[in-house]
Amino acid sequence: MRAIVQRVSAATVQVDGREVGRCGRGLMLLVGVHKNDTSAEAKKLAAKVAVLRIFNDLEGKMNLSLNDLRSDDYDVLAVSNFTVYGDAKKQNRPSFMSSAGFDLGKELFDEFVFELRNLGIPTQTGIFGADMQVSLINDGPVTVILDVDAA
């Protein structure tokens, strides 16, 4: 699995002009599922997101994670996005052959979100497979790509 992780001041996702998910201070995640992924990767990625140290401590150093900030108002907006596995190395039009199909992608994305919530991280989502419009205020900007390889 792969997540494009963006530290945000706020983020929203809309479908058909209606807001379906939001977060305040926290993380905006674009999450892709690889065709070889299993539930083990969903759990590993959720655990990695929870401990990723990209929030500033009192000295202004990126030293804190969502786990460290539990008592504060930090949350997550996770949006499914099969295009994060797009490969344009050999052509101008990306290939999405590495992305999971709809059923596996939905199952593992839902499991990933369940794991984040199970870790105590407030998480909202978009609508899997929908045409979504995402707005965010990137804080920093801080953007990190997390990969969790299939076993």
Protein backbone atom coordinates (compact mmCIF):
# COMPACT_ATOMS: atom_id res chain seq x y z
CA MET A 1 0.00 0.00 0.00
CA ARG A 2 1.05 3.57 -0.55
CA ALA A 3 -0.03 6.84 1.02
CA ILE A 4 0.75 10.36 -0.01
CA VAL A 5 0.75 12.02 3.41
CA GLN A 6 0.23 15.76 3.67
CA ARG A 7 0.34 17.67 6.94
CA VAL A 8 -2.62 20.03 6.77
CA SER A 9 -4.33 22.85 8.62
CA ALA A 10 -7.62 21.69 7.07
CA ALA A 11 -8.90 19.48 4.26
CA THR A 12 -12.25 18.58 2.73
CA VAL A 13 -13.53 16.15 0.12
CA GLN A 14 -16.68 16.66 -1.92
CA VAL A 15 -18.75 14.39 -4.15
CA ASP A 16 -21.34 15.95 -6.47
CA GLY A 17 -20.88 19.32 -4.76
CA ARG A 18 -21.62 17.88 -1.30
CA GLU A 19 -19.00 17.65 1.43
CA VAL A 20 -18.59 14.04 2.51
CA GLY A 21 -15.46 14.26 4.68
CA ARG A 22 -13.19 16.75 6.41
CA CYS A 23 -10.38 17.18 8.86
CA GLY A 24 -8.85 20.09 10.71
CA ARG A 25 -5.23 20.07 11.84
CA GLY A 26 -3.79 16.70 11.00
CA LEU A 27 -3.13 14.62 7.92
CA MET A 28 -4.65 14.39 4.47
CA LEU A 29 -3.93 10.95 3.01
CA LEU A 30 -4.23 9.83 -0.61
CA VAL A 31 -4.18 6.04 -0.26
CA GLY A 32 -3.52 3.51 -3.01
CA VAL A 33 -3.76 -0.25 -2.81
CA HIS A 34 -1.35 -2.44 -4.80
CA LYS A 35 -2.75 -5.50 -6.57
CA ASN A 36 -0.60 -7.79 -4.34
CA ASP A 37 -1.54 -6.17 -1.02
CA THR A 38 -3.24 -8.03 1.82
CA SER A 39 -4.74 -7.01 5.14
CA ALA A 40 -1.22 -7.16 6.61
CA GLU A 41 -0.22 -4.13 4.51
CA ALA A 42 -3.35 -2.22 5.57
CA LYS A 43 -2.42 -2.75 9.22
CA LYS A 44 1.25 -1.86 8.66
CA LEU A 45 0.38 1.35 6.81
CA ALA A 46 -2.09 2.46 9.50
CA ALA A 47 0.52 1.80 12.19
CA LYS A 48 3.14 3.75 10.22
CA VAL A 49 0.80 6.73 9.73
CA ALA A 50 0.07 6.79 13.47
CA VAL A 51 3.76 7.07 14.42
CA LEU A 52 5.04 9.21 11.54
CA ARG A 53 6.83 12.12 13.23
CA ILE A 54 5.96 15.11 11.03
CA PHE A 55 4.39 17.51 13.54
CA ASN A 56 6.45 20.21 15.22
CA ASP A 57 7.42 19.98 18.86
CA LEU A 58 7.82 23.05 21.09
CA GLU A 59 11.24 23.71 19.54
CA GLY A 60 9.83 23.69 16.00
CA LYS A 61 11.38 20.33 15.09
CA MET A 62 9.35 17.64 13.32
CA ASN A 63 9.36 15.28 16.27
CA LEU A 64 5.71 14.47 17.04
CA SER A 65 3.29 11.95 15.58
CA LEU A 66 -0.48 11.58 15.68
CA ASN A 67 0.07 9.15 18.56
CA ASP A 68 1.90 11.89 20.47
CA LEU A 69 -0.88 14.40 19.82
CA ARG A 70 -3.86 12.26 20.85
CA SER A 71 -5.04 14.68 23.50
CA ASP A 72 -5.08 17.55 21.00
CA ASP A 73 -7.43 18.17 18.10
CA TYR A 74 -5.64 16.33 15.30
CA ASP A 75 -7.42 14.08 12.83
CA VAL A 76 -7.16 12.46 9.41
CA LEU A 77 -8.94 12.70 6.09
CA ALA A 78 -8.19 9.54 4.08
CA VAL A 79 -9.15 9.45 0.40
CA SER A 80 -8.82 6.36 -1.75
CA ASN A 81 -6.76 7.04 -4.88
CA PHE A 82 -5.71 4.24 -7.22
CA THR A 83 -3.65 6.72 -9.27
CA VAL A 84 -0.89 6.84 -6.64
CA TYR A 85 0.30 3.59 -8.25
CA GLY A 86 0.38 5.21 -11.69
CA ASP A 87 3.58 4.42 -13.58
CA ALA A 88 4.73 6.84 -16.28
CA LYS A 89 8.39 5.81 -16.42
CA LYS A 90 8.27 4.55 -20.01
CA GLN A 91 5.37 6.54 -21.46
CA ASN A 92 3.51 9.81 -21.11
CA ARG A 93 0.21 8.16 -20.22
CA PRO A 94 0.39 6.49 -16.79
CA SER A 95 -0.30 2.79 -16.49
CA PHE A 96 -2.33 1.66 -13.50
CA MET A 97 -1.60 -2.07 -13.87
CA SER A 98 -0.12 -2.22 -10.34
CA SER A 99 -3.25 -0.83 -8.70
CA ALA A 100 -5.67 -3.22 -7.04
CA GLY A 101 -9.05 -3.81 -8.65
CA PHE A 102 -12.17 -2.22 -7.20
CA ASP A 103 -13.17 -5.01 -4.79
CA LEU A 104 -9.72 -5.61 -3.29
CA GLY A 105 -9.00 -1.88 -3.24
CA LYS A 106 -12.21 -1.11 -1.34
CA GLU A 107 -11.72 -3.97 1.10
CA LEU A 108 -8.16 -2.97 2.01
CA PHE A 109 -8.85 0.77 2.06
CA ASP A 110 -11.75 0.15 4.45
CA GLU A 111 -9.50 -2.06 6.59
CA PHE A 112 -6.83 0.66 6.64
CA VAL A 113 -9.39 3.22 7.86
CA PHE A 114 -10.72 0.75 10.45
CA GLU A 115 -7.16 0.24 11.75
CA LEU A 116 -6.55 4.00 12.05
CA ARG A 117 -9.77 4.39 14.02
CA ASN A 118 -8.89 1.34 16.11
CA LEU A 119 -5.60 3.11 16.98
CA GLY A 120 -7.68 6.00 18.33
CA ILE A 121 -7.15 8.35 15.40
CA PRO A 122 -10.30 10.21 14.31
CA THR A 123 -10.59 9.52 10.58
CA GLN A 124 -13.03 10.61 7.90
CA THR A 125 -13.07 9.52 4.27
CA GLY A 126 -14.40 10.29 0.85
CA ILE A 127 -16.53 7.80 -1.09
CA PHE A 128 -14.58 4.91 -2.56
CA GLY A 129 -14.60 4.92 -6.35
CA ALA A 130 -16.40 8.26 -6.65
CA ASP A 131 -15.25 11.31 -8.59
CA MET A 132 -14.04 13.42 -5.66
CA GLN A 133 -12.84 16.99 -5.32
CA VAL A 134 -10.26 17.42 -2.57
CA SER A 135 -9.29 20.77 -1.07
CA LEU A 136 -6.56 21.23 1.47
CA ILE A 137 -4.30 23.71 3.15
CA ASN A 138 -0.90 22.04 3.24
CA ASP A 139 0.88 23.04 6.45
CA GLY A 140 4.58 23.61 5.87
CA PRO A 141 4.29 22.37 3.19
CA VAL A 142 5.04 18.88 4.46
CA THR A 143 4.39 15.96 2.11
CA VAL A 144 5.74 12.42 2.56
CA ILE A 145 5.25 9.25 0.54
CA LEU A 146 4.83 6.09 2.62
CA ASP A 147 5.15 2.66 0.99
CA VAL A 148 4.39 -0.60 2.73
CA ASP A 149 5.42 -3.47 0.47
CA ALA A 150 3.48 -6.68 0.15
CA ALA A 151 5.15 -9.56 1.99
